[in-house]
Amino acid sequence: MMPPHDLREDVLDEVRQLLREFRADETLLHAQARLVADLGLDSLELASAVISLEDRFAVDLVGVVDEDMTVADLLDAISSRRAPADVDG
């Protein structure tokens, strides 16, 4: 079973990739950065990012992600919804 740290790193890597895709300023990425206000994602980009993260990590984030959510909140949401059996790769 993969330790939670590795899952968080995987999520962070995916968020970094999404930020590059949306041309957001990746240098602003830190745990307390808000997805919209700080990282500059608009509502369509946020929705697209959520769908990508749901697909990548096999989680349901409907009704969980909002514009005030921080990167740390997003990591926690994905980690808490990820079943232990899902982490084997």
N, C-alpha and C. Protein backbone atom coordinates (compact mmCIF):
# COMPACT_ATOMS: atom_id res chain seq x y z
N MET A 1 0.84 -1.19 0.00
CA MET A 1 0.00 0.00 0.00
C MET A 1 0.88 1.25 0.00
N MET A 2 0.56 2.23 -0.84
CA MET A 2 1.33 3.44 -0.96
C MET A 2 1.04 4.37 0.22
N PRO A 3 2.06 4.94 0.84
CA PRO A 3 1.82 5.89 1.94
C PRO A 3 1.10 7.13 1.44
N PRO A 4 0.33 7.80 2.32
CA PRO A 4 -0.41 8.99 1.90
C PRO A 4 0.49 10.07 1.30
N HIS A 5 1.73 10.18 1.77
CA HIS A 5 2.65 11.18 1.24
C HIS A 5 2.80 11.02 -0.28
N ASP A 6 2.94 9.79 -0.73
CA ASP A 6 3.10 9.55 -2.15
C ASP A 6 1.86 9.95 -2.94
N LEU A 7 0.68 9.70 -2.40
CA LEU A 7 -0.56 10.12 -3.05
C LEU A 7 -0.60 11.65 -3.13
N ARG A 8 -0.24 12.31 -2.05
CA ARG A 8 -0.24 13.78 -2.06
C ARG A 8 0.75 14.30 -3.11
N GLU A 9 1.90 13.66 -3.23
CA GLU A 9 2.87 14.07 -4.25
C GLU A 9 2.30 13.85 -5.65
N ASP A 10 1.61 12.72 -5.85
CA ASP A 10 0.98 12.46 -7.14
C ASP A 10 -0.05 13.54 -7.46
N VAL A 11 -0.86 13.91 -6.46
CA VAL A 11 -1.87 14.95 -6.66
C VAL A 11 -1.20 16.27 -6.98
N LEU A 12 -0.16 16.62 -6.24
CA LEU A 12 0.56 17.87 -6.50
C LEU A 12 1.14 17.88 -7.91
N ASP A 13 1.71 16.77 -8.33
CA ASP A 13 2.25 16.68 -9.69
C ASP A 13 1.16 16.90 -10.73
N GLU A 14 0.00 16.30 -10.48
CA GLU A 14 -1.13 16.45 -11.41
C GLU A 14 -1.61 17.90 -11.44
N VAL A 15 -1.69 18.54 -10.28
CA VAL A 15 -2.11 19.94 -10.21
C VAL A 15 -1.10 20.81 -10.96
N ARG A 16 0.18 20.54 -10.78
CA ARG A 16 1.21 21.30 -11.52
C ARG A 16 1.02 21.16 -13.03
N GLN A 17 0.76 19.93 -13.46
CA GLN A 17 0.55 19.68 -14.88
C GLN A 17 -0.68 20.44 -15.38
N LEU A 18 -1.75 20.42 -14.60
CA LEU A 18 -2.96 21.15 -14.99
C LEU A 18 -2.71 22.65 -15.06
N LEU A 19 -1.93 23.17 -14.12
CA LEU A 19 -1.62 24.59 -14.13
C LEU A 19 -0.86 24.97 -15.39
N ARG A 20 0.08 24.11 -15.79
CA ARG A 20 0.81 24.37 -17.04
C ARG A 20 -0.16 24.37 -18.22
N GLU A 21 -1.09 23.42 -18.21
CA GLU A 21 -2.07 23.31 -19.28
C GLU A 21 -2.92 24.57 -19.39
N PHE A 22 -3.28 25.14 -18.23
CA PHE A 22 -4.12 26.33 -18.21
C PHE A 22 -3.29 27.62 -18.20
N ARG A 23 -1.97 27.46 -18.32
CA ARG A 23 -1.05 28.59 -18.34
C ARG A 23 -1.13 29.44 -17.08
N ALA A 24 -1.47 28.82 -15.97
CA ALA A 24 -1.48 29.53 -14.69
C ALA A 24 -0.03 29.63 -14.19
N ASP A 25 0.18 30.52 -13.25
CA ASP A 25 1.52 30.73 -12.71
C ASP A 25 1.86 29.65 -11.69
N GLU A 26 2.58 28.65 -12.14
CA GLU A 26 2.95 27.50 -11.33
C GLU A 26 3.82 27.89 -10.14
N THR A 27 4.52 29.00 -10.23
CA THR A 27 5.37 29.43 -9.12
C THR A 27 4.55 29.83 -7.90
N LEU A 28 3.28 30.08 -8.10
CA LEU A 28 2.40 30.45 -6.99
C LEU A 28 1.83 29.24 -6.26
N LEU A 29 2.17 28.04 -6.74
CA LEU A 29 1.62 26.82 -6.16
C LEU A 29 2.22 26.54 -4.79
N HIS A 30 1.38 26.60 -3.78
CA HIS A 30 1.74 26.22 -2.42
C HIS A 30 0.48 25.77 -1.71
N ALA A 31 0.61 25.18 -0.56
CA ALA A 31 -0.51 24.54 0.13
C ALA A 31 -1.70 25.48 0.36
N GLN A 32 -1.44 26.73 0.69
CA GLN A 32 -2.53 27.65 1.01
C GLN A 32 -3.00 28.48 -0.19
N ALA A 33 -2.46 28.20 -1.37
CA ALA A 33 -2.90 28.92 -2.57
C ALA A 33 -4.32 28.52 -2.92
N ARG A 34 -5.17 29.53 -3.11
CA ARG A 34 -6.55 29.27 -3.53
C ARG A 34 -6.58 29.03 -5.04
N LEU A 35 -7.38 28.06 -5.44
CA LEU A 35 -7.39 27.62 -6.83
C LEU A 35 -7.76 28.73 -7.80
N VAL A 36 -8.70 29.58 -7.42
CA VAL A 36 -9.16 30.63 -8.33
C VAL A 36 -8.45 31.95 -8.04
N ALA A 37 -8.55 32.46 -6.82
CA ALA A 37 -8.02 33.78 -6.50
C ALA A 37 -6.50 33.87 -6.63
N ASP A 38 -5.80 32.81 -6.20
CA ASP A 38 -4.34 32.86 -6.21
C ASP A 38 -3.72 32.25 -7.46
N LEU A 39 -4.28 31.15 -7.92
CA LEU A 39 -3.70 30.45 -9.07
C LEU A 39 -4.28 30.89 -10.40
N GLY A 40 -5.38 31.64 -10.35
CA GLY A 40 -5.90 32.25 -11.56
C GLY A 40 -6.77 31.37 -12.44
N LEU A 41 -7.23 30.24 -11.91
CA LEU A 41 -8.14 29.40 -12.70
C LEU A 41 -9.50 30.07 -12.79
N ASP A 42 -10.11 30.06 -13.97
CA ASP A 42 -11.48 30.55 -14.08
C ASP A 42 -12.42 29.36 -13.82
N SER A 43 -13.72 29.61 -13.83
CA SER A 43 -14.67 28.55 -13.46
C SER A 43 -14.64 27.36 -14.42
N LEU A 44 -14.43 27.62 -15.71
CA LEU A 44 -14.35 26.52 -16.67
C LEU A 44 -13.07 25.71 -16.47
N GLU A 45 -11.97 26.38 -16.21
CA GLU A 45 -10.72 25.68 -15.95
C GLU A 45 -10.80 24.87 -14.67
N LEU A 46 -11.44 25.44 -13.65
CA LEU A 46 -11.61 24.71 -12.40
C LEU A 46 -12.43 23.45 -12.61
N ALA A 47 -13.53 23.57 -13.36
CA ALA A 47 -14.37 22.40 -13.66
C ALA A 47 -13.58 21.35 -14.43
N SER A 48 -12.81 21.79 -15.41
CA SER A 48 -12.00 20.86 -16.19
C SER A 48 -10.94 20.19 -15.32
N ALA A 49 -10.32 20.96 -14.44
CA ALA A 49 -9.32 20.40 -13.53
C ALA A 49 -9.94 19.35 -12.61
N VAL A 50 -11.13 19.63 -12.11
CA VAL A 50 -11.82 18.68 -11.23
C VAL A 50 -12.09 17.38 -11.97
N ILE A 51 -12.58 17.48 -13.19
CA ILE A 51 -12.86 16.28 -13.99
C ILE A 51 -11.58 15.48 -14.21
N SER A 52 -10.50 16.16 -14.55
CA SER A 52 -9.22 15.48 -14.76
C SER A 52 -8.75 14.78 -13.49
N LEU A 53 -8.87 15.47 -12.35
CA LEU A 53 -8.44 14.88 -11.08
C LEU A 53 -9.32 13.70 -10.69
N GLU A 54 -10.63 13.83 -10.95
CA GLU A 54 -11.54 12.71 -10.66
C GLU A 54 -11.15 11.48 -11.48
N ASP A 55 -10.88 11.70 -12.76
CA ASP A 55 -10.50 10.59 -13.64
C ASP A 55 -9.16 9.99 -13.21
N ARG A 56 -8.20 10.84 -12.95
CA ARG A 56 -6.84 10.38 -12.62
C ARG A 56 -6.78 9.60 -11.30
N PHE A 57 -7.55 10.07 -10.30
CA PHE A 57 -7.46 9.47 -8.96
C PHE A 57 -8.69 8.66 -8.57
N ALA A 58 -9.61 8.44 -9.51
CA ALA A 58 -10.80 7.62 -9.28
C ALA A 58 -11.55 8.05 -8.02
N VAL A 59 -11.85 9.35 -7.96
CA VAL A 59 -12.60 9.91 -6.83
C VAL A 59 -13.75 10.74 -7.36
N ASP A 60 -14.71 11.00 -6.50
CA ASP A 60 -15.85 11.85 -6.83
C ASP A 60 -15.72 13.14 -6.04
N LEU A 61 -15.50 14.24 -6.74
CA LEU A 61 -15.33 15.53 -6.10
C LEU A 61 -16.52 16.46 -6.31
N VAL A 62 -17.62 15.93 -6.84
CA VAL A 62 -18.82 16.73 -7.08
C VAL A 62 -19.31 17.32 -5.76
N GLY A 63 -19.51 18.62 -5.76
CA GLY A 63 -20.00 19.30 -4.58
C GLY A 63 -18.95 19.54 -3.50
N VAL A 64 -17.72 19.15 -3.78
CA VAL A 64 -16.64 19.30 -2.79
C VAL A 64 -15.75 20.49 -3.13
N VAL A 65 -15.42 20.63 -4.39
CA VAL A 65 -14.50 21.68 -4.82
C VAL A 65 -15.28 22.97 -5.06
N ASP A 66 -14.75 24.07 -4.51
CA ASP A 66 -15.34 25.37 -4.79
C ASP A 66 -14.22 26.38 -5.04
N GLU A 67 -14.58 27.58 -5.40
CA GLU A 67 -13.61 28.59 -5.81
C GLU A 67 -12.70 29.04 -4.67
N ASP A 68 -13.11 28.87 -3.42
CA ASP A 68 -12.30 29.28 -2.28
C ASP A 68 -11.37 28.17 -1.79
N MET A 69 -11.44 27.01 -2.41
CA MET A 69 -10.65 25.86 -1.98
C MET A 69 -9.16 26.12 -2.22
N THR A 70 -8.35 25.68 -1.25
CA THR A 70 -6.90 25.79 -1.39
C THR A 70 -6.34 24.49 -1.96
N VAL A 71 -5.08 24.52 -2.35
CA VAL A 71 -4.41 23.32 -2.82
C VAL A 71 -4.43 22.27 -1.72
N ALA A 72 -4.17 22.67 -0.47
CA ALA A 72 -4.18 21.72 0.66
C ALA A 72 -5.56 21.10 0.82
N ASP A 73 -6.62 21.90 0.68
CA ASP A 73 -7.99 21.38 0.76
C ASP A 73 -8.22 20.33 -0.34
N LEU A 74 -7.74 20.63 -1.52
CA LEU A 74 -7.91 19.71 -2.66
C LEU A 74 -7.16 18.40 -2.39
N LEU A 75 -5.94 18.49 -1.90
CA LEU A 75 -5.17 17.29 -1.57
C LEU A 75 -5.89 16.45 -0.53
N ASP A 76 -6.43 17.12 0.50
CA ASP A 76 -7.17 16.41 1.56
C ASP A 76 -8.43 15.76 1.01
N ALA A 77 -9.14 16.47 0.13
CA ALA A 77 -10.38 15.94 -0.43
C ALA A 77 -10.11 14.68 -1.24
N ILE A 78 -9.07 14.71 -2.05
CA ILE A 78 -8.74 13.54 -2.86
C ILE A 78 -8.26 12.40 -1.98
N SER A 79 -7.38 12.70 -1.05
CA SER A 79 -6.86 11.66 -0.15
C SER A 79 -7.95 11.00 0.66
N SER A 80 -8.90 11.77 1.16
CA SER A 80 -9.95 11.21 2.01
C SER A 80 -10.97 10.40 1.23
N ARG A 81 -11.06 10.64 -0.08
CA ARG A 81 -12.03 9.91 -0.91
C ARG A 81 -11.41 8.72 -1.63
N ARG A 82 -10.15 8.59 -1.53
CA ARG A 82 -9.43 7.52 -2.23
C ARG A 82 -9.45 6.26 -1.38
N ALA A 83 -10.00 5.20 -1.93
CA ALA A 83 -10.07 3.92 -1.21
C ALA A 83 -8.66 3.32 -1.11
N PRO A 84 -8.30 2.71 0.04
CA PRO A 84 -6.97 2.11 0.19
C PRO A 84 -6.61 1.13 -0.91
N ALA A 85 -7.56 0.38 -1.42
CA ALA A 85 -7.29 -0.60 -2.48
C ALA A 85 -6.90 0.08 -3.78
N ASP A 86 -7.24 1.39 -3.93
CA ASP A 86 -6.98 2.10 -5.17
C ASP A 86 -5.53 2.55 -5.31
N VAL A 87 -4.75 2.52 -4.26
CA VAL A 87 -3.43 3.13 -4.29
C VAL A 87 -2.35 2.20 -4.82
N ASP A 88 -2.70 0.99 -5.21
CA ASP A 88 -1.66 0.10 -5.67
C ASP A 88 -1.22 0.36 -7.11
N GLY A 89 -1.79 1.37 -7.72
CA GLY A 89 -1.25 1.79 -8.99
C GLY A 89 -2.02 1.42 -10.17
